[in-house]
Amino acid sequence: MIAEGILKSRFACVNAWLYNNNNNNNNNNNTSNGDGNGHTRSSHERTMLKKILGKLWYMLCWFLTTSTLYYACMGFDLLSVKKGWIAYSHLNWIGHWTVFGIIIGNQILNMILPKRKKSVSSSSSSSSSTPAEVKKDL
């Protein structure tokens, strides 16, 4: 669950980067090689790249999910602690190290990357009144 949230947030960063670059290129190159409507060949290429990356992303997530489930269920399939210990030892405890790496990596990325500020729309705060303000008006 933790890994899924981390991967989704990182994918959202890549998505935002693609959209920001797409908007910047459309603003700068509207007349260079487009059709007059602000569409350039590079935006189409970015759309195709995004679709391909999306498919690859889902394939990677599927592979990692099934691998994680097989690794986690291995001890239950073997039905003894000794056999499970031997099996995990032969795999060098890679699943356990991966989980620890994800947790530590998440902590490091949270320290490095800036926090997103939640934007509050000015129209909702100026036009709406709190219940206390409504009672004062009455």
C-alpha atoms as a PDB file:
ATOM      1  CA  MET A   1       0.000   0.000   0.000  1.00  0.00           C
ATOM      2  CA  ILE A   2       2.804   2.397   0.872  1.00  0.00           C
ATOM      3  CA  ALA A   3       4.684   1.565  -2.313  1.00  0.00           C
ATOM      4  CA  GLU A   4       1.576   2.070  -4.421  1.00  0.00           C
ATOM      5  CA  GLY A   5       1.033   5.548  -2.961  1.00  0.00           C
ATOM      6  CA  ILE A   6       4.680   6.473  -3.529  1.00  0.00           C
ATOM      7  CA  LEU A   7       4.600   5.267  -7.124  1.00  0.00           C
ATOM      8  CA  LYS A   8       1.352   7.101  -7.845  1.00  0.00           C
ATOM      9  CA  SER A   9       2.751  10.351  -6.476  1.00  0.00           C
ATOM     10  CA  ARG A  10       5.934   9.986  -8.544  1.00  0.00           C
ATOM     11  CA  PHE A  11       3.863   9.214 -11.649  1.00  0.00           C
ATOM     12  CA  ALA A  12       1.811  12.328 -10.959  1.00  0.00           C
ATOM     13  CA  CYS A  13       5.048  14.347 -10.955  1.00  0.00           C
ATOM     14  CA  VAL A  14       5.992  12.931 -14.372  1.00  0.00           C
ATOM     15  CA  ASN A  15       2.477  13.664 -15.621  1.00  0.00           C
ATOM     16  CA  ALA A  16       2.715  17.270 -14.419  1.00  0.00           C
ATOM     17  CA  TRP A  17       6.114  17.631 -16.079  1.00  0.00           C
ATOM     18  CA  LEU A  18       4.719  16.421 -19.416  1.00  0.00           C
ATOM     19  CA  TYR A  19       1.767  18.815 -19.215  1.00  0.00           C
ATOM     20  CA  ASN A  20       3.927  21.790 -18.203  1.00  0.00           C
ATOM     21  CA  ASN A  21       6.377  21.192 -21.028  1.00  0.00           C
ATOM     22  CA  ASN A  22       3.506  20.687 -23.454  1.00  0.00           C
ATOM     23  CA  ASN A  23       1.902  24.009 -22.457  1.00  0.00           C
ATOM     24  CA  ASN A  24       5.221  25.871 -22.620  1.00  0.00           C
ATOM     25  CA  ASN A  25       5.989  24.520 -26.089  1.00  0.00           C
ATOM     26  CA  ASN A  26       2.511  25.360 -27.359  1.00  0.00           C
ATOM     27  CA  ASN A  27       2.857  28.941 -26.131  1.00  0.00           C
ATOM     28  CA  ASN A  28       6.282  29.368 -27.720  1.00  0.00           C
ATOM     29  CA  ASN A  29       5.767  27.495 -31.006  1.00  0.00           C
ATOM     30  CA  ASN A  30       2.202  28.222 -32.060  1.00  0.00           C
ATOM     31  CA  THR A  31       3.143  29.275 -35.592  1.00  0.00           C
ATOM     32  CA  SER A  32       6.272  27.184 -36.167  1.00  0.00           C
ATOM     33  CA  ASN A  33       4.879  23.864 -37.430  1.00  0.00           C
ATOM     34  CA  GLY A  34       1.286  23.723 -36.257  1.00  0.00           C
ATOM     35  CA  ASP A  35      -2.068  23.806 -37.964  1.00  0.00           C
ATOM     36  CA  GLY A  36      -2.981  27.281 -36.750  1.00  0.00           C
ATOM     37  CA  ASN A  37      -4.963  26.035 -33.761  1.00  0.00           C
ATOM     38  CA  GLY A  38      -2.025  25.835 -31.395  1.00  0.00           C
ATOM     39  CA  HIS A  39      -1.458  22.116 -32.052  1.00  0.00           C
ATOM     40  CA  THR A  40       2.079  21.165 -32.884  1.00  0.00           C
ATOM     41  CA  ARG A  41       3.603  17.886 -33.900  1.00  0.00           C
ATOM     42  CA  SER A  42       5.452  17.773 -30.604  1.00  0.00           C
ATOM     43  CA  SER A  43       2.183  17.744 -28.637  1.00  0.00           C
ATOM     44  CA  HIS A  44       1.043  14.701 -30.625  1.00  0.00           C
ATOM     45  CA  GLU A  45       4.362  13.007 -29.966  1.00  0.00           C
ATOM     46  CA  ARG A  46       4.012  13.769 -26.258  1.00  0.00           C
ATOM     47  CA  THR A  47       0.515  12.304 -26.268  1.00  0.00           C
ATOM     48  CA  MET A  48       1.784   9.113 -27.876  1.00  0.00           C
ATOM     49  CA  LEU A  49       4.709   8.995 -25.457  1.00  0.00           C
ATOM     50  CA  LYS A  50       2.311   9.428 -22.551  1.00  0.00           C
ATOM     51  CA  LYS A  51       0.138   6.543 -23.799  1.00  0.00           C
ATOM     52  CA  ILE A  52       3.155   4.275 -24.252  1.00  0.00           C
ATOM     53  CA  LEU A  53       4.565   5.193 -20.848  1.00  0.00           C
ATOM     54  CA  GLY A  54       1.152   4.597 -19.305  1.00  0.00           C
ATOM     55  CA  LYS A  55       0.971   1.077 -20.774  1.00  0.00           C
ATOM     56  CA  LEU A  56       4.521   0.323 -19.642  1.00  0.00           C
ATOM     57  CA  TRP A  57       3.679   1.694 -16.200  1.00  0.00           C
ATOM     58  CA  TYR A  58       0.672  -0.629 -15.843  1.00  0.00           C
ATOM     59  CA  MET A  59       2.729  -3.615 -17.006  1.00  0.00           C
ATOM     60  CA  LEU A  60       5.447  -2.794 -14.465  1.00  0.00           C
ATOM     61  CA  CYS A  61       2.846  -2.401 -11.691  1.00  0.00           C
ATOM     62  CA  TRP A  62       1.256  -5.730 -12.612  1.00  0.00           C
ATOM     63  CA  PHE A  63       4.648  -7.476 -12.586  1.00  0.00           C
ATOM     64  CA  LEU A  64       5.657  -5.957  -9.250  1.00  0.00           C
ATOM     65  CA  THR A  65       2.279  -6.734  -7.672  1.00  0.00           C
ATOM     66  CA  THR A  66       2.302 -10.396  -8.699  1.00  0.00           C
ATOM     67  CA  SER A  67       5.946 -10.795  -7.697  1.00  0.00           C
ATOM     68  CA  THR A  68       5.247  -9.260  -4.298  1.00  0.00           C
ATOM     69  CA  LEU A  69       2.266 -11.535  -3.729  1.00  0.00           C
ATOM     70  CA  TYR A  70       4.259 -14.640  -4.696  1.00  0.00           C
ATOM     71  CA  TYR A  71       7.092 -13.586  -2.405  1.00  0.00           C
ATOM     72  CA  ALA A  72       4.746 -12.862   0.492  1.00  0.00           C
ATOM     73  CA  CYS A  73       2.837 -16.145   0.110  1.00  0.00           C
ATOM     74  CA  MET A  74       5.947 -18.298  -0.205  1.00  0.00           C
ATOM     75  CA  GLY A  75       6.193 -18.902   3.537  1.00  0.00           C
ATOM     76  CA  PHE A  76       2.549 -20.001   3.681  1.00  0.00           C
ATOM     77  CA  ASP A  77       2.980 -22.346   0.714  1.00  0.00           C
ATOM     78  CA  LEU A  78       5.940 -24.137   2.299  1.00  0.00           C
ATOM     79  CA  LEU A  79       4.052 -24.675   5.593  1.00  0.00           C
ATOM     80  CA  SER A  80       7.115 -24.663   7.831  1.00  0.00           C
ATOM     81  CA  VAL A  81       9.330 -21.962   9.238  1.00  0.00           C
ATOM     82  CA  LYS A  82      12.511 -23.846   8.380  1.00  0.00           C
ATOM     83  CA  LYS A  83      11.604 -24.275   4.692  1.00  0.00           C
ATOM     84  CA  GLY A  84      10.436 -20.658   4.487  1.00  0.00           C
ATOM     85  CA  TRP A  85      13.677 -19.459   6.076  1.00  0.00           C
ATOM     86  CA  ILE A  86      15.723 -21.469   3.561  1.00  0.00           C
ATOM     87  CA  ALA A  87      13.663 -20.170   0.617  1.00  0.00           C
ATOM     88  CA  TYR A  88      13.962 -16.533   1.695  1.00  0.00           C
ATOM     89  CA  SER A  89      17.689 -17.015   2.330  1.00  0.00           C
ATOM     90  CA  HIS A  90      18.175 -18.328  -1.209  1.00  0.00           C
ATOM     91  CA  LEU A  91      16.505 -15.155  -2.478  1.00  0.00           C
ATOM     92  CA  ASN A  92      18.750 -13.024  -0.217  1.00  0.00           C
ATOM     93  CA  TRP A  93      15.665 -11.562   1.511  1.00  0.00           C
ATOM     94  CA  ILE A  94      15.182  -9.256  -1.483  1.00  0.00           C
ATOM     95  CA  GLY A  95      11.520  -8.527  -0.673  1.00  0.00           C
ATOM     96  CA  HIS A  96      12.322  -7.507   2.874  1.00  0.00           C
ATOM     97  CA  TRP A  97      15.185  -5.254   1.738  1.00  0.00           C
ATOM     98  CA  THR A  98      12.921  -3.700  -0.892  1.00  0.00           C
ATOM     99  CA  VAL A  99      10.268  -2.783   1.674  1.00  0.00           C
ATOM    100  CA  PHE A 100      12.881  -1.213   3.953  1.00  0.00           C
ATOM    101  CA  GLY A 101      14.343   0.629   0.945  1.00  0.00           C
ATOM    102  CA  ILE A 102      10.947   2.014  -0.036  1.00  0.00           C
ATOM    103  CA  ILE A 103      10.234   3.219   3.486  1.00  0.00           C
ATOM    104  CA  ILE A 104      13.662   4.875   3.850  1.00  0.00           C
ATOM    105  CA  GLY A 105      13.522   6.273   0.291  1.00  0.00           C
ATOM    106  CA  ASN A 106      10.122   7.782   0.989  1.00  0.00           C
ATOM    107  CA  GLN A 107      11.457   9.504   4.088  1.00  0.00           C
ATOM    108  CA  ILE A 108      14.441  10.872   2.149  1.00  0.00           C
ATOM    109  CA  LEU A 109      12.241  12.101  -0.724  1.00  0.00           C
ATOM    110  CA  ASN A 110       9.879  13.786   1.744  1.00  0.00           C
ATOM    111  CA  MET A 111      12.855  15.717   3.150  1.00  0.00           C
ATOM    112  CA  ILE A 112      14.205  16.656  -0.300  1.00  0.00           C
ATOM    113  CA  LEU A 113      11.048  17.448  -2.274  1.00  0.00           C
ATOM    114  CA  PRO A 114       8.996  20.495  -1.307  1.00  0.00           C
ATOM    115  CA  LYS A 115       5.508  19.983   0.075  1.00  0.00           C
ATOM    116  CA  ARG A 116       2.572  20.877  -2.148  1.00  0.00           C
ATOM    117  CA  LYS A 117       0.538  23.794  -0.925  1.00  0.00           C
ATOM    118  CA  LYS A 118      -3.189  23.253  -1.001  1.00  0.00           C
ATOM    119  CA  SER A 119      -4.790  26.092  -2.890  1.00  0.00           C
ATOM    120  CA  VAL A 120      -7.910  27.617  -1.429  1.00  0.00           C
ATOM    121  CA  SER A 121     -10.105  29.369  -3.941  1.00  0.00           C
ATOM    122  CA  SER A 122     -10.631  33.016  -3.087  1.00  0.00           C
ATOM    123  CA  SER A 123     -14.192  33.055  -4.418  1.00  0.00           C
ATOM    124  CA  SER A 124     -15.433  30.454  -1.949  1.00  0.00           C
ATOM    125  CA  SER A 125     -13.852  32.137   1.053  1.00  0.00           C
ATOM    126  CA  SER A 126     -15.088  35.643   0.198  1.00  0.00           C
ATOM    127  CA  SER A 127     -18.637  34.773  -0.833  1.00  0.00           C
ATOM    128  CA  SER A 128     -19.506  32.266   1.857  1.00  0.00           C
ATOM    129  CA  SER A 129     -20.185  33.150   5.471  1.00  0.00           C
ATOM    130  CA  THR A 130     -19.563  31.085   8.548  1.00  0.00           C
ATOM    131  CA  PRO A 131     -22.542  30.231  10.780  1.00  0.00           C
ATOM    132  CA  ALA A 132     -21.262  32.696  13.436  1.00  0.00           C
ATOM    133  CA  GLU A 133     -21.231  35.538  10.880  1.00  0.00           C
ATOM    134  CA  VAL A 134     -24.778  34.664   9.782  1.00  0.00           C
ATOM    135  CA  LYS A 135     -26.011  34.843  13.405  1.00  0.00           C
ATOM    136  CA  LYS A 136     -24.337  38.253  13.857  1.00  0.00           C
ATOM    137  CA  ASP A 137     -26.140  39.535  10.754  1.00  0.00           C
ATOM    138  CA  LEU A 138     -29.522  38.399  12.130  1.00  0.00           C
END
